Protein backbone atom coordinates (compact mmCIF):
# COMPACT_ATOMS: atom_id res chain seq x y z
CA MET A 1 0.74 11.44 -13.49
CA PHE A 2 -1.57 9.50 -15.80
CA GLU A 3 -2.42 10.35 -19.39
CA HIS A 4 -5.75 11.95 -20.20
CA ARG A 5 -8.44 9.88 -21.87
CA ARG A 6 -7.92 11.74 -25.15
CA GLN A 7 -4.20 10.95 -25.17
CA SER A 8 -2.78 7.79 -26.69
CA LEU A 9 -1.79 4.80 -24.62
CA LEU A 10 1.60 5.12 -22.93
CA PRO A 11 4.32 2.97 -24.55
CA LEU A 12 5.30 -0.18 -22.64
CA ARG A 13 8.66 1.24 -21.54
CA GLY A 14 6.94 4.26 -19.97
CA PHE A 15 4.32 2.01 -18.43
CA TYR A 16 6.98 -0.16 -16.80
CA THR A 17 8.70 2.95 -15.46
CA ARG A 18 5.40 4.16 -14.03
CA LEU A 19 4.73 0.73 -12.55
CA ALA A 20 8.18 0.66 -10.89
CA ARG A 21 7.69 4.17 -9.51
CA CYS A 22 4.30 3.28 -8.03
CA ALA A 23 5.67 0.03 -6.60
CA ALA A 24 8.49 1.99 -4.97
CA MET A 25 6.00 4.46 -3.50
CA GLY A 26 3.81 1.64 -2.17
CA MET A 27 6.77 -0.21 -0.66
CA SER A 28 8.07 3.02 0.91
CA PHE A 29 4.67 3.50 2.51
CA ILE A 30 4.72 -0.07 3.87
CA ILE A 31 8.30 0.27 5.17
CA GLY A 32 7.41 3.57 6.85
CA SER A 33 4.34 1.99 8.41
CA LEU A 34 6.42 -0.93 9.64
CA GLY A 35 8.94 1.49 11.18
CA LEU A 36 6.11 3.39 12.90
CA GLY A 37 4.74 0.16 14.31
CA MET A 38 8.14 -1.02 15.49
CA ALA A 39 8.79 2.29 17.27
CA GLY A 40 5.39 2.18 18.95
CA TYR A 41 5.78 -1.39 20.13
CA HIS A 42 9.31 -0.71 21.33
CA TRP A 43 8.62 2.49 23.27
CA LEU A 44 4.99 2.06 24.32
CA ALA A 45 4.79 -1.70 24.84
CA HIS A 46 8.43 -1.96 26.03
CA MET A 47 9.35 -4.76 23.62
CA ALA A 48 12.79 -5.57 22.27
CA TRP A 49 13.33 -4.37 18.70
CA ILE A 50 13.07 -7.86 17.23
CA ASP A 51 9.81 -8.53 19.07
CA ALA A 52 8.51 -5.13 18.00
CA PHE A 53 9.36 -6.01 14.41
CA VAL A 54 7.51 -9.35 14.57
CA ASN A 55 4.40 -7.83 16.14
CA ALA A 56 4.32 -4.84 13.77
CA ALA A 57 4.84 -7.07 10.73
CA MET A 58 2.13 -9.49 11.81
CA ILE A 59 -0.37 -6.69 12.46
CA LEU A 60 0.54 -4.94 9.19
CA SER A 61 0.04 -8.15 7.22
CA GLY A 62 -3.33 -8.78 8.86
CA MET A 63 -2.29 -11.85 10.85
CA GLY A 64 -2.64 -10.41 14.36
CA PRO A 65 -0.34 -9.85 17.33
CA VAL A 66 2.17 -12.44 18.52
CA ASP A 67 3.01 -11.37 22.09
CA PRO A 68 0.56 -10.38 24.83
CA LEU A 69 0.73 -6.73 25.85
CA PRO A 70 1.18 -6.04 29.56
CA SER A 71 0.44 -2.29 29.64
CA ALA A 72 -2.66 -0.30 28.83
CA GLN A 73 -0.71 2.12 26.64
CA GLY A 74 0.69 -0.82 24.66
CA LYS A 75 -2.80 -2.21 24.14
CA LEU A 76 -4.12 1.19 23.08
CA PHE A 77 -1.27 1.60 20.60
CA ALA A 78 -1.82 -1.93 19.24
CA GLY A 79 -5.51 -1.22 18.64
CA ILE A 80 -4.86 2.07 16.87
CA TYR A 81 -2.01 0.55 14.86
CA ALA A 82 -4.23 -2.36 13.81
CA LEU A 83 -6.88 0.06 12.49
CA TYR A 84 -4.20 2.08 10.72
CA SER A 85 -2.66 -1.09 9.25
CA GLY A 86 -5.91 -2.09 7.58
CA LEU A 87 -6.05 1.26 5.81
CA ALA A 88 -2.32 1.15 5.04
CA LEU A 89 -2.70 -2.21 3.32
CA ILE A 90 -5.58 -0.96 1.16
CA THR A 91 -3.77 2.30 0.36
CA SER A 92 -0.48 0.66 -0.61
CA THR A 93 -2.30 -1.90 -2.76
CA GLY A 94 -4.14 0.91 -4.52
CA ILE A 95 -0.91 2.81 -5.15
CA MET A 96 0.83 -0.24 -6.57
CA PHE A 97 -2.03 -1.43 -8.80
CA ALA A 98 -3.20 2.00 -10.01
CA PRO A 99 -1.07 1.94 -13.18
CA VAL A 100 -2.36 -1.50 -14.17
CA VAL A 101 -6.00 -0.57 -13.61
CA HIS A 102 -5.54 2.78 -15.37
CA ARG A 103 -3.91 1.14 -18.39
CA PHE A 104 -6.70 -1.43 -18.63
CA LEU A 105 -9.43 1.21 -18.44
CA HIS A 106 -7.58 3.56 -20.77
CA LYS A 107 -7.12 0.82 -23.38
CA PHE A 108 -10.76 -0.20 -23.00
CA HIS A 109 -11.82 3.43 -23.55
CA ILE A 110 -9.62 3.76 -26.65
CA GLU A 111 -11.04 0.56 -28.15
CA ALA A 112 -14.62 1.65 -27.38
CA THR A 113 -13.98 5.03 -29.01
CA LYS A 114 -12.52 3.37 -32.13
CA LYS A 115 -15.60 1.15 -32.46
CA GLU A 116 -17.92 4.18 -32.18
CA VAL A 117 -15.96 6.05 -34.85
CA SER A 118 -15.94 3.09 -37.24
CA GLU A 119 -19.71 2.58 -36.97
């Protein structure tokens, strides 16, 4: 997916395409995670869909739950979903920023190699 360190830097148009593709993958992951959370809150915590959406979105964003959970299975799901959401946030951020970090490091490596050759 990314160019090798011996290859030249990807042109800006290709970089923007890669950035859009990674952003789409990251957002798809977040939307899928939100759907998973909504389904769990709806079926395990017996919440209405709109309440399930609010709780799943708040947990996924790191804010915390909104409504109290009456059942043990709802509380168990909420705990597991909260742990998953922390990893989902880190993963989606990594997917979305990978092209930017790669381009920075790749450009830095190219410039360092040019300085070594010129010396």
